[in-house]
Amino acid sequence: MTSLHTLPIPHQTARIHEHAWTADSRHPTSEGVVVYVRCAECGTHRVDLETHPQRPATALSAEFVRTRRDETSDRDDVSVVRHPRLLP
């Protein structure tokens, strides 16, 4: 017997993959080097901080996913993917 008070099961819309980050640009700051990166496969964007050349970069922002292009505007609509280490 089915219940009328249950929520639908959400379906995953995007496929999960290991991002292949490529640097779009990098800028030196007092905290280190800020790197704007993009996934070569899905186009997701993120901002990273390199505090030392021998250490891996740390994500400064959440991941931004392009969802669609608005034909009447010059901007893309984006969805934010929450990063587990970042505050809400």
N, C-alpha and C. Protein backbone atom coordinates (compact mmCIF):
# COMPACT_ATOMS: atom_id res chain seq x y z
N MET A 1 0.84 -1.18 0.00
CA MET A 1 0.00 0.00 0.00
C MET A 1 0.89 1.24 0.00
N THR A 2 0.54 2.22 -0.78
CA THR A 2 1.34 3.44 -0.87
C THR A 2 0.75 4.52 0.01
N SER A 3 1.60 5.41 0.47
CA SER A 3 1.18 6.51 1.32
C SER A 3 1.07 7.78 0.48
N LEU A 4 0.09 8.59 0.77
CA LEU A 4 -0.08 9.85 0.07
C LEU A 4 0.78 10.96 0.66
N HIS A 5 1.45 10.69 1.79
CA HIS A 5 2.20 11.72 2.50
C HIS A 5 3.71 11.53 2.36
N THR A 6 4.17 10.91 1.31
CA THR A 6 5.61 10.73 1.11
C THR A 6 6.11 11.71 0.06
N LEU A 7 7.36 12.05 0.16
CA LEU A 7 7.98 12.95 -0.80
C LEU A 7 8.53 12.14 -1.97
N PRO A 8 8.56 12.72 -3.15
CA PRO A 8 9.13 12.00 -4.28
C PRO A 8 10.64 11.83 -4.12
N ILE A 9 11.17 10.79 -4.68
CA ILE A 9 12.61 10.55 -4.62
C ILE A 9 13.28 11.48 -5.62
N PRO A 10 14.23 12.31 -5.14
CA PRO A 10 14.89 13.22 -6.08
C PRO A 10 15.79 12.45 -7.04
N HIS A 11 15.79 12.86 -8.28
CA HIS A 11 16.64 12.23 -9.28
C HIS A 11 17.86 13.10 -9.51
N GLN A 12 18.99 12.48 -9.62
CA GLN A 12 20.21 13.21 -9.86
C GLN A 12 20.22 13.71 -11.30
N THR A 13 20.37 15.03 -11.48
CA THR A 13 20.30 15.60 -12.82
C THR A 13 21.66 15.64 -13.50
N ALA A 14 22.70 15.88 -12.74
CA ALA A 14 24.04 15.94 -13.33
C ALA A 14 24.81 14.68 -12.95
N ARG A 15 25.60 14.21 -13.90
CA ARG A 15 26.39 13.03 -13.57
C ARG A 15 27.60 13.46 -12.74
N ILE A 16 27.98 12.61 -11.82
CA ILE A 16 29.10 12.88 -10.94
C ILE A 16 30.38 12.42 -11.63
N HIS A 17 31.40 13.24 -11.57
CA HIS A 17 32.69 12.87 -12.13
C HIS A 17 33.79 13.59 -11.36
N GLU A 18 35.00 13.14 -11.53
CA GLU A 18 36.16 13.81 -10.94
C GLU A 18 36.47 15.01 -11.83
N HIS A 19 36.45 16.21 -11.25
CA HIS A 19 36.70 17.41 -12.05
C HIS A 19 38.15 17.45 -12.51
N ALA A 20 38.36 17.89 -13.73
CA ALA A 20 39.70 18.11 -14.29
C ALA A 20 39.89 19.62 -14.36
N TRP A 21 40.39 20.21 -13.25
CA TRP A 21 40.48 21.66 -13.14
C TRP A 21 41.60 22.21 -14.01
N THR A 22 41.30 23.26 -14.78
CA THR A 22 42.30 23.99 -15.54
C THR A 22 42.21 25.45 -15.12
N ALA A 23 43.36 26.12 -15.04
CA ALA A 23 43.40 27.51 -14.58
C ALA A 23 43.02 28.45 -15.72
N ASP A 24 42.01 29.30 -15.48
CA ASP A 24 41.64 30.33 -16.44
C ASP A 24 42.52 31.57 -16.25
N SER A 25 42.77 31.93 -14.96
CA SER A 25 43.65 33.05 -14.66
C SER A 25 44.16 32.91 -13.23
N ARG A 26 45.24 33.61 -12.93
CA ARG A 26 45.84 33.58 -11.59
C ARG A 26 46.36 34.96 -11.25
N HIS A 27 46.21 35.35 -9.97
CA HIS A 27 46.58 36.69 -9.54
C HIS A 27 47.25 36.62 -8.17
N PRO A 28 48.46 37.19 -8.03
CA PRO A 28 49.12 37.21 -6.72
C PRO A 28 48.42 38.18 -5.77
N THR A 29 48.27 37.75 -4.52
CA THR A 29 47.68 38.59 -3.47
C THR A 29 48.56 38.48 -2.23
N SER A 30 48.23 39.21 -1.18
CA SER A 30 49.00 39.13 0.06
C SER A 30 48.82 37.79 0.76
N GLU A 31 47.75 37.07 0.48
CA GLU A 31 47.48 35.77 1.09
C GLU A 31 48.07 34.61 0.30
N GLY A 32 48.45 34.85 -0.94
CA GLY A 32 48.93 33.79 -1.83
C GLY A 32 48.47 34.10 -3.24
N VAL A 33 48.37 33.08 -4.07
CA VAL A 33 47.94 33.26 -5.46
C VAL A 33 46.50 32.79 -5.59
N VAL A 34 45.62 33.69 -6.04
CA VAL A 34 44.23 33.34 -6.29
C VAL A 34 44.14 32.79 -7.71
N VAL A 35 43.55 31.60 -7.86
CA VAL A 35 43.46 30.94 -9.16
C VAL A 35 41.99 30.71 -9.49
N TYR A 36 41.57 31.18 -10.66
CA TYR A 36 40.22 30.95 -11.15
C TYR A 36 40.28 29.71 -12.03
N VAL A 37 39.61 28.64 -11.61
CA VAL A 37 39.71 27.37 -12.31
C VAL A 37 38.36 26.97 -12.90
N ARG A 38 38.43 26.11 -13.93
CA ARG A 38 37.24 25.62 -14.62
C ARG A 38 37.45 24.15 -14.93
N CYS A 39 36.39 23.34 -14.77
CA CYS A 39 36.46 21.92 -15.13
C CYS A 39 36.39 21.82 -16.65
N ALA A 40 37.36 21.12 -17.23
CA ALA A 40 37.42 20.98 -18.68
C ALA A 40 36.27 20.15 -19.22
N GLU A 41 35.69 19.27 -18.39
CA GLU A 41 34.62 18.39 -18.87
C GLU A 41 33.23 19.01 -18.77
N CYS A 42 32.91 19.59 -17.61
CA CYS A 42 31.53 20.07 -17.41
C CYS A 42 31.39 21.58 -17.35
N GLY A 43 32.50 22.33 -17.30
CA GLY A 43 32.42 23.78 -17.29
C GLY A 43 32.18 24.41 -15.93
N THR A 44 32.21 23.63 -14.85
CA THR A 44 32.02 24.15 -13.50
C THR A 44 33.19 25.08 -13.16
N HIS A 45 32.89 26.20 -12.48
CA HIS A 45 33.92 27.16 -12.09
C HIS A 45 34.12 27.14 -10.59
N ARG A 46 35.34 27.54 -10.15
CA ARG A 46 35.66 27.62 -8.73
C ARG A 46 36.84 28.58 -8.57
N VAL A 47 36.99 29.15 -7.38
CA VAL A 47 38.13 30.01 -7.07
C VAL A 47 38.96 29.30 -6.01
N ASP A 48 40.27 29.17 -6.28
CA ASP A 48 41.19 28.49 -5.36
C ASP A 48 42.23 29.47 -4.85
N LEU A 49 42.88 29.11 -3.74
CA LEU A 49 43.99 29.89 -3.18
C LEU A 49 45.19 28.98 -3.01
N GLU A 50 46.31 29.36 -3.62
CA GLU A 50 47.58 28.66 -3.44
C GLU A 50 48.41 29.47 -2.45
N THR A 51 48.61 28.93 -1.24
CA THR A 51 49.37 29.66 -0.22
C THR A 51 50.86 29.38 -0.32
N HIS A 52 51.23 28.27 -0.95
CA HIS A 52 52.64 27.89 -1.12
C HIS A 52 52.75 27.07 -2.40
N PRO A 53 53.82 27.27 -3.18
CA PRO A 53 53.93 26.54 -4.45
C PRO A 53 54.01 25.02 -4.31
N GLN A 54 54.44 24.52 -3.16
CA GLN A 54 54.58 23.08 -2.96
C GLN A 54 53.37 22.43 -2.30
N ARG A 55 52.33 23.22 -2.01
CA ARG A 55 51.12 22.69 -1.38
C ARG A 55 49.95 22.77 -2.35
N PRO A 56 48.99 21.86 -2.22
CA PRO A 56 47.80 21.94 -3.10
C PRO A 56 46.96 23.17 -2.77
N ALA A 57 46.26 23.65 -3.75
CA ALA A 57 45.40 24.82 -3.58
C ALA A 57 44.19 24.47 -2.72
N THR A 58 43.66 25.49 -2.05
CA THR A 58 42.46 25.35 -1.23
C THR A 58 41.30 26.07 -1.91
N ALA A 59 40.13 25.46 -1.93
CA ALA A 59 38.96 26.09 -2.55
C ALA A 59 38.51 27.27 -1.69
N LEU A 60 38.39 28.43 -2.30
CA LEU A 60 37.88 29.62 -1.61
C LEU A 60 36.39 29.80 -1.81
N SER A 61 35.86 29.26 -2.88
CA SER A 61 34.45 29.46 -3.21
C SER A 61 33.76 28.12 -3.38
N ALA A 62 32.46 28.21 -3.49
CA ALA A 62 31.68 27.04 -3.87
C ALA A 62 31.87 26.83 -5.37
N GLU A 63 31.42 25.70 -5.88
CA GLU A 63 31.50 25.43 -7.31
C GLU A 63 30.28 26.04 -7.99
N PHE A 64 30.51 26.73 -9.10
CA PHE A 64 29.44 27.37 -9.85
C PHE A 64 29.23 26.61 -11.14
N VAL A 65 28.00 26.13 -11.35
CA VAL A 65 27.68 25.32 -12.52
C VAL A 65 26.82 26.14 -13.47
N ARG A 66 27.24 26.25 -14.72
CA ARG A 66 26.41 26.92 -15.72
C ARG A 66 25.22 26.04 -16.05
N THR A 67 24.02 26.62 -16.02
CA THR A 67 22.83 25.83 -16.29
C THR A 67 22.22 26.14 -17.65
N ARG A 68 22.19 27.40 -18.04
CA ARG A 68 21.63 27.76 -19.35
C ARG A 68 22.07 29.18 -19.69
N ARG A 69 21.99 29.51 -20.93
CA ARG A 69 22.34 30.85 -21.40
C ARG A 69 21.05 31.61 -21.68
N ASP A 70 20.92 32.77 -21.09
CA ASP A 70 19.76 33.63 -21.33
C ASP A 70 20.00 34.39 -22.63
N GLU A 71 19.15 34.19 -23.62
CA GLU A 71 19.34 34.78 -24.95
C GLU A 71 19.20 36.30 -24.93
N THR A 72 18.46 36.86 -23.96
CA THR A 72 18.26 38.31 -23.92
C THR A 72 19.29 39.01 -23.06
N SER A 73 20.20 38.27 -22.46
CA SER A 73 21.18 38.85 -21.56
C SER A 73 22.58 38.36 -21.93
N ASP A 74 23.58 39.08 -21.47
CA ASP A 74 24.96 38.68 -21.70
C ASP A 74 25.50 37.78 -20.59
N ARG A 75 24.70 37.46 -19.62
CA ARG A 75 25.20 36.67 -18.50
C ARG A 75 24.62 35.26 -18.53
N ASP A 76 25.32 34.35 -17.88
CA ASP A 76 24.85 32.98 -17.72
C ASP A 76 24.17 32.85 -16.37
N ASP A 77 23.12 32.04 -16.30
CA ASP A 77 22.54 31.69 -15.01
C ASP A 77 23.39 30.58 -14.42
N VAL A 78 23.65 30.67 -13.12
CA VAL A 78 24.51 29.67 -12.50
C VAL A 78 23.82 29.06 -11.29
N SER A 79 24.18 27.84 -10.99
CA SER A 79 23.74 27.16 -9.78
C SER A 79 24.95 27.00 -8.89
N VAL A 80 24.77 27.14 -7.60
CA VAL A 80 25.88 27.00 -6.67
C VAL A 80 25.84 25.61 -6.06
N VAL A 81 26.96 24.92 -6.14
CA VAL A 81 27.11 23.62 -5.51
C VAL A 81 27.86 23.86 -4.21
N ARG A 82 27.25 23.58 -3.08
CA ARG A 82 27.86 23.85 -1.79
C ARG A 82 29.07 22.96 -1.56
N HIS A 83 30.16 23.58 -1.15
CA HIS A 83 31.38 22.85 -0.84
C HIS A 83 31.30 22.44 0.63
N PRO A 84 31.63 21.18 0.98
CA PRO A 84 31.45 20.73 2.36
C PRO A 84 32.31 21.48 3.37
N ARG A 85 33.43 22.07 2.95
CA ARG A 85 34.30 22.77 3.89
C ARG A 85 33.94 24.23 4.05
N LEU A 86 33.00 24.72 3.26
CA LEU A 86 32.65 26.13 3.30
C LEU A 86 31.41 26.35 4.15
N LEU A 87 31.32 27.55 4.72
CA LEU A 87 30.14 27.90 5.50
C LEU A 87 28.96 28.15 4.58
N PRO A 88 27.73 27.91 5.07
CA PRO A 88 26.54 28.13 4.22
C PRO A 88 26.32 29.59 3.90
